[in-house]
Amino acid sequence: MPADFTDHFSAVAEAYAAARPTYPPALFDHLAGLAPARGHAWDCAAGNGQAALALAARFARVTATDASAAQIAQAPRHPGATYRVALAAESGLPDSSVDLITVAQALHWIDLPSFYEEAGRVLVRNGLIAVWCYGLQRVDDDALDQRLEHFYRCVVGPYWAPERALVETGYRSLPFPFEELRPPPFEMAHRWLLAELLAYLRTWSATAAFVTARGFDPVTSLGEELAPLWGPGHRRRRVRWPLSLRIGRPRRSA
């Protein structure tokens, strides 16, 4: 594991790959359409390769890097994607070799000055960088949402890393030294069983930290609380996460 990396997800890497929601295809279509070419994309802090796999369907070549070897090990293989364990500032890519850089739900874990310097080095002229995150999910029921928000803020809330606050602001408080473009709105949406939602909650870094500190899984009692409100075990409800997306291009020299 690279030095200077705080690993929040290796312990739940397998569950993360199985239970995290997937990004909408329209997002990747939009980014591919804005990129100057579809030759090479770099998915930085790629985690389990969710975004990398979608990029590989649209770009001739994808390089996916992450500081967590356990996360990379869970990534699905694709002939157009190369996975490598590396810090965000150490892509190992040649100068001016990347048409698109993506960072999905991970910018808040990255040392930004060094990453932005690396991004500027590897992007082609008029290349594109896109970073996005998603916060607390919403379900199609107010009573369920209230209990889920209580779990998020009050039960596991004290166990979120300080960086979580950056997600809650949609990355708007972070520097973004690029010529910024205005994207259309995107969201993830799935029709999930209660068991699928609970599996997702167990992938939260705060939930894992709670289990480590307290010695028991708080999602179990939450599931018992939610079950009567959710309905029969086979019932699927719409769960959605609006995406906060920032995209830009390298600034032109004066």
Protein backbone atom coordinates (compact mmCIF):
# COMPACT_ATOMS: atom_id res chain seq x y z
CA MET A 1 0.00 0.00 0.00
CA PRO A 2 1.42 3.42 -0.92
CA ALA A 3 2.70 5.63 1.88
CA ASP A 4 0.66 8.63 3.02
CA PHE A 5 -2.59 6.87 2.20
CA THR A 6 -5.37 6.42 4.76
CA ASP A 7 -7.32 3.35 3.71
CA HIS A 8 -11.02 3.53 4.58
CA PHE A 9 -12.33 0.78 2.30
CA SER A 10 -10.03 -2.23 2.00
CA ALA A 11 -11.86 -4.03 4.81
CA VAL A 12 -15.14 -3.75 2.89
CA ALA A 13 -13.74 -3.94 -0.64
CA GLU A 14 -15.71 -7.03 -1.64
CA ALA A 15 -18.97 -5.67 -0.25
CA TYR A 16 -18.25 -2.29 -1.85
CA ALA A 17 -17.98 -3.91 -5.28
CA ALA A 18 -21.21 -5.84 -4.79
CA ALA A 19 -23.42 -3.26 -3.08
CA ARG A 20 -22.58 0.21 -4.35
CA PRO A 21 -25.02 1.86 -6.78
CA THR A 22 -23.91 2.22 -10.41
CA TYR A 23 -23.49 5.49 -12.27
CA PRO A 24 -25.91 6.33 -15.10
CA PRO A 25 -24.72 5.53 -18.66
CA ALA A 26 -25.85 9.01 -19.73
CA LEU A 27 -23.11 10.52 -17.55
CA PHE A 28 -20.37 8.67 -19.42
CA ASP A 29 -21.98 9.40 -22.79
CA HIS A 30 -21.93 13.10 -21.90
CA LEU A 31 -18.28 13.06 -20.83
CA ALA A 32 -17.17 11.05 -23.87
CA GLY A 33 -18.96 13.56 -26.07
CA LEU A 34 -17.06 16.47 -24.50
CA ALA A 35 -13.63 14.81 -24.56
CA PRO A 36 -11.43 15.92 -27.48
CA ALA A 37 -10.96 12.27 -28.50
CA ARG A 38 -11.86 8.82 -27.25
CA GLY A 39 -8.34 7.47 -27.17
CA HIS A 40 -7.32 7.34 -23.50
CA ALA A 41 -9.13 7.93 -20.21
CA TRP A 42 -7.60 7.88 -16.73
CA ASP A 43 -9.91 6.89 -13.89
CA CYS A 44 -8.10 8.14 -10.79
CA ALA A 45 -8.92 6.70 -7.36
CA ALA A 46 -10.86 4.08 -9.28
CA GLY A 47 -11.88 1.96 -6.31
CA ASN A 48 -13.48 -1.23 -7.60
CA GLY A 49 -13.44 -0.03 -11.21
CA GLN A 50 -17.09 0.92 -11.53
CA ALA A 51 -16.40 4.06 -13.56
CA ALA A 52 -13.44 2.45 -15.35
CA LEU A 53 -15.65 -0.28 -16.77
CA ALA A 54 -18.13 2.27 -18.14
CA LEU A 55 -15.27 4.30 -19.63
CA ALA A 56 -13.83 1.20 -21.30
CA ALA A 57 -17.05 0.90 -23.31
CA ARG A 58 -16.43 4.38 -24.72
CA PHE A 59 -12.65 4.84 -24.90
CA ALA A 60 -10.03 2.79 -26.71
CA ARG A 61 -7.88 2.62 -23.60
CA VAL A 62 -8.53 3.17 -19.90
CA THR A 63 -5.97 3.40 -17.10
CA ALA A 64 -7.50 2.92 -13.65
CA THR A 65 -5.43 3.64 -10.55
CA ASP A 66 -6.19 3.42 -6.86
CA ALA A 67 -4.07 3.47 -3.72
CA SER A 68 -5.91 0.43 -2.33
CA ALA A 69 -4.73 -2.92 -3.65
CA ALA A 70 -7.79 -4.57 -2.11
CA GLN A 71 -10.11 -2.32 -4.08
CA ILE A 72 -8.24 -2.84 -7.34
CA ALA A 73 -8.42 -6.61 -6.79
CA GLN A 74 -12.22 -6.39 -6.88
CA ALA A 75 -12.36 -4.52 -10.20
CA PRO A 76 -13.90 -6.42 -13.13
CA ARG A 77 -11.40 -7.03 -15.88
CA HIS A 78 -11.84 -5.61 -19.39
CA PRO A 79 -9.48 -5.90 -22.37
CA GLY A 80 -9.40 -2.13 -22.73
CA ALA A 81 -8.69 -1.35 -19.07
CA THR A 82 -5.39 -1.47 -17.19
CA TYR A 83 -5.50 -1.42 -13.38
CA ARG A 84 -2.61 -0.26 -11.23
CA VAL A 85 -2.06 0.53 -7.54
CA ALA A 86 -0.86 4.12 -7.34
CA LEU A 87 -1.44 7.40 -5.53
CA ALA A 88 -3.39 10.08 -7.37
CA ALA A 89 -0.26 12.18 -7.92
CA GLU A 90 1.72 9.25 -9.31
CA SER A 91 -0.20 8.05 -12.36
CA GLY A 92 2.92 6.92 -14.21
CA LEU A 93 1.36 8.19 -17.45
CA PRO A 94 3.24 10.14 -20.15
CA ASP A 95 2.85 13.88 -20.59
CA SER A 96 -0.17 14.99 -22.66
CA SER A 97 -1.48 11.45 -23.06
CA VAL A 98 -5.00 11.53 -21.58
CA ASP A 99 -8.22 12.82 -23.15
CA LEU A 100 -10.37 12.48 -20.03
CA ILE A 101 -9.67 12.21 -16.30
CA THR A 102 -12.41 11.05 -13.94
CA VAL A 103 -12.54 10.94 -10.14
CA ALA A 104 -15.74 9.29 -8.89
CA GLN A 105 -16.70 9.72 -5.21
CA ALA A 106 -13.05 10.06 -4.19
CA LEU A 107 -11.79 13.62 -4.65
CA HIS A 108 -12.20 14.28 -0.92
CA TRP A 109 -9.57 11.60 -0.13
CA ILE A 110 -6.94 13.04 -2.50
CA ASP A 111 -4.11 15.51 -1.92
CA LEU A 112 -5.44 18.11 -4.33
CA PRO A 113 -2.42 20.30 -5.16
CA SER A 114 -0.28 17.34 -6.22
CA PHE A 115 -3.15 15.64 -8.04
CA TYR A 116 -4.08 18.78 -9.96
CA GLU A 117 -0.44 19.20 -10.99
CA GLU A 118 -0.43 15.61 -12.24
CA ALA A 119 -3.72 16.13 -14.05
CA GLY A 120 -2.37 19.18 -15.83
CA ARG A 121 0.70 17.23 -16.88
CA VAL A 122 -1.07 14.23 -18.40
CA LEU A 123 -4.08 15.92 -20.02
CA VAL A 124 -3.92 16.62 -23.73
CA ARG A 125 -4.61 20.11 -24.99
CA ASN A 126 -8.31 20.81 -24.45
CA GLY A 127 -8.62 17.58 -22.44
CA LEU A 128 -11.42 17.14 -19.92
CA ILE A 129 -11.46 16.46 -16.18
CA ALA A 130 -14.65 15.37 -14.40
CA VAL A 131 -15.10 14.84 -10.66
CA TRP A 132 -18.31 13.89 -8.94
CA CYS A 133 -19.79 12.70 -5.68
CA TYR A 134 -23.10 11.73 -4.15
CA GLY A 135 -24.38 12.19 -0.63
CA LEU A 136 -27.24 10.72 1.36
CA GLN A 137 -29.67 8.60 -0.63
CA ARG A 138 -33.38 9.33 -0.79
CA VAL A 139 -36.15 6.72 -0.77
CA ASP A 140 -39.73 7.19 -1.97
CA ASP A 141 -41.07 7.50 1.59
CA ASP A 142 -40.65 10.34 4.10
CA ALA A 143 -40.73 8.10 7.17
CA LEU A 144 -37.97 5.90 5.77
CA ASP A 145 -35.90 8.94 4.82
CA GLN A 146 -36.20 10.37 8.34
CA ARG A 147 -34.92 7.17 9.94
CA LEU A 148 -32.14 6.79 7.40
CA GLU A 149 -31.02 10.36 7.96
CA HIS A 150 -31.00 9.78 11.72
CA PHE A 151 -28.78 6.74 11.18
CA TYR A 152 -26.50 8.76 8.89
CA ARG A 153 -26.11 11.76 11.19
CA CYS A 154 -26.61 10.44 14.72
CA VAL A 155 -25.74 6.73 14.80
CA VAL A 156 -22.73 6.49 12.48
CA GLY A 157 -22.39 10.27 12.14
CA PRO A 158 -19.56 10.59 14.69
CA TYR A 159 -17.56 8.00 12.75
CA TRP A 160 -17.44 9.84 9.42
CA ALA A 161 -14.01 11.15 8.53
CA PRO A 162 -13.81 14.97 8.41
CA GLU A 163 -13.53 14.77 4.61
CA ARG A 164 -17.16 13.68 4.45
CA ALA A 165 -18.18 17.32 4.87
CA LEU A 166 -16.73 17.97 1.40
CA VAL A 167 -19.17 15.46 -0.08
CA GLU A 168 -22.08 17.16 1.65
CA THR A 169 -21.20 20.42 -0.10
CA GLY A 170 -21.02 18.65 -3.47
CA TYR A 171 -17.30 19.51 -3.75
CA ARG A 172 -18.27 23.17 -4.22
CA SER A 173 -15.95 24.21 -1.39
CA LEU A 174 -12.95 22.57 -3.05
CA PRO A 175 -10.59 24.39 -5.42
CA PHE A 176 -11.02 23.39 -9.05
CA PRO A 177 -8.32 25.15 -11.12
CA PHE A 178 -9.82 24.50 -14.55
CA GLU A 179 -12.02 26.34 -17.02
CA GLU A 180 -15.26 25.03 -15.62
CA LEU A 181 -18.19 23.92 -17.76
CA ARG A 182 -21.82 23.72 -16.65
CA PRO A 183 -23.06 20.12 -16.78
CA PRO A 184 -26.67 18.95 -16.98
CA PRO A 185 -28.10 17.20 -13.90
CA PHE A 186 -27.50 13.49 -13.40
CA GLU A 187 -28.59 11.06 -10.72
CA MET A 188 -28.24 7.41 -9.84
CA ALA A 189 -31.52 5.59 -9.30
CA HIS A 190 -32.25 1.95 -8.52
CA ARG A 191 -35.24 -0.09 -7.43
CA TRP A 192 -33.88 -1.92 -4.43
CA LEU A 193 -34.99 -4.49 -1.92
CA LEU A 194 -34.49 -3.52 1.71
CA ALA A 195 -31.67 -6.07 1.90
CA GLU A 196 -29.86 -4.29 -0.95
CA LEU A 197 -30.14 -0.93 0.79
CA LEU A 198 -28.82 -2.40 4.03
CA ALA A 199 -25.90 -4.00 2.19
CA TYR A 200 -25.09 -0.57 0.75
CA LEU A 201 -25.17 1.06 4.20
CA ARG A 202 -22.61 -1.50 5.37
CA THR A 203 -20.16 -0.19 2.75
CA TRP A 204 -20.09 3.27 4.32
CA SER A 205 -16.71 4.05 5.82
CA ALA A 206 -18.50 5.40 8.90
CA THR A 207 -20.34 2.11 9.38
CA ALA A 208 -17.07 0.18 9.17
CA ALA A 209 -15.49 2.56 11.68
CA PHE A 210 -18.49 2.13 14.01
CA VAL A 211 -18.15 -1.67 13.88
CA THR A 212 -14.43 -1.43 14.63
CA ALA A 213 -14.98 0.92 17.57
CA ARG A 214 -18.13 -0.59 19.07
CA GLY A 215 -17.86 -4.26 18.12
CA PHE A 216 -21.31 -4.72 16.59
CA ASP A 217 -23.12 -3.93 13.35
CA PRO A 218 -25.60 -1.02 13.74
CA VAL A 219 -27.26 -1.84 10.41
CA THR A 220 -28.86 -4.94 11.91
CA SER A 221 -31.07 -3.00 14.31
CA LEU A 222 -31.75 -0.37 11.66
CA GLY A 223 -33.02 -3.08 9.34
CA GLU A 224 -35.41 -4.31 12.03
CA GLU A 225 -36.67 -0.75 12.46
CA LEU A 226 -37.13 -0.17 8.74
CA ALA A 227 -38.74 -3.50 7.84
CA PRO A 228 -42.34 -2.63 8.92
CA LEU A 229 -42.14 0.67 7.02
CA TRP A 230 -40.59 -0.87 3.93
CA GLY A 231 -43.24 -3.52 3.42
CA PRO A 232 -42.94 -7.17 2.34
CA GLY A 233 -39.40 -8.47 1.89
CA HIS A 234 -39.81 -8.73 -1.88
CA ARG A 235 -40.93 -5.10 -2.23
CA ARG A 236 -38.66 -2.87 -4.26
CA ARG A 237 -38.51 0.86 -3.64
CA ARG A 238 -36.90 3.58 -5.71
CA VAL A 239 -33.63 4.80 -4.17
CA ARG A 240 -31.86 7.75 -5.73
CA TRP A 241 -28.69 9.78 -5.33
CA PRO A 242 -28.35 13.10 -7.19
CA LEU A 243 -24.79 13.51 -8.47
CA SER A 244 -22.74 16.63 -7.81
CA LEU A 245 -20.57 16.97 -10.92
CA ARG A 246 -17.78 19.40 -11.78
CA ILE A 247 -16.12 19.30 -15.19
CA GLY A 248 -13.49 21.49 -16.78
CA ARG A 249 -10.59 21.89 -19.17
CA PRO A 250 -7.02 23.11 -18.60
CA ARG A 251 -6.86 26.86 -18.49
CA ARG A 252 -5.36 28.49 -21.53
CA SER A 253 -2.06 30.29 -21.05
CA ALA A 254 -2.24 34.07 -21.12
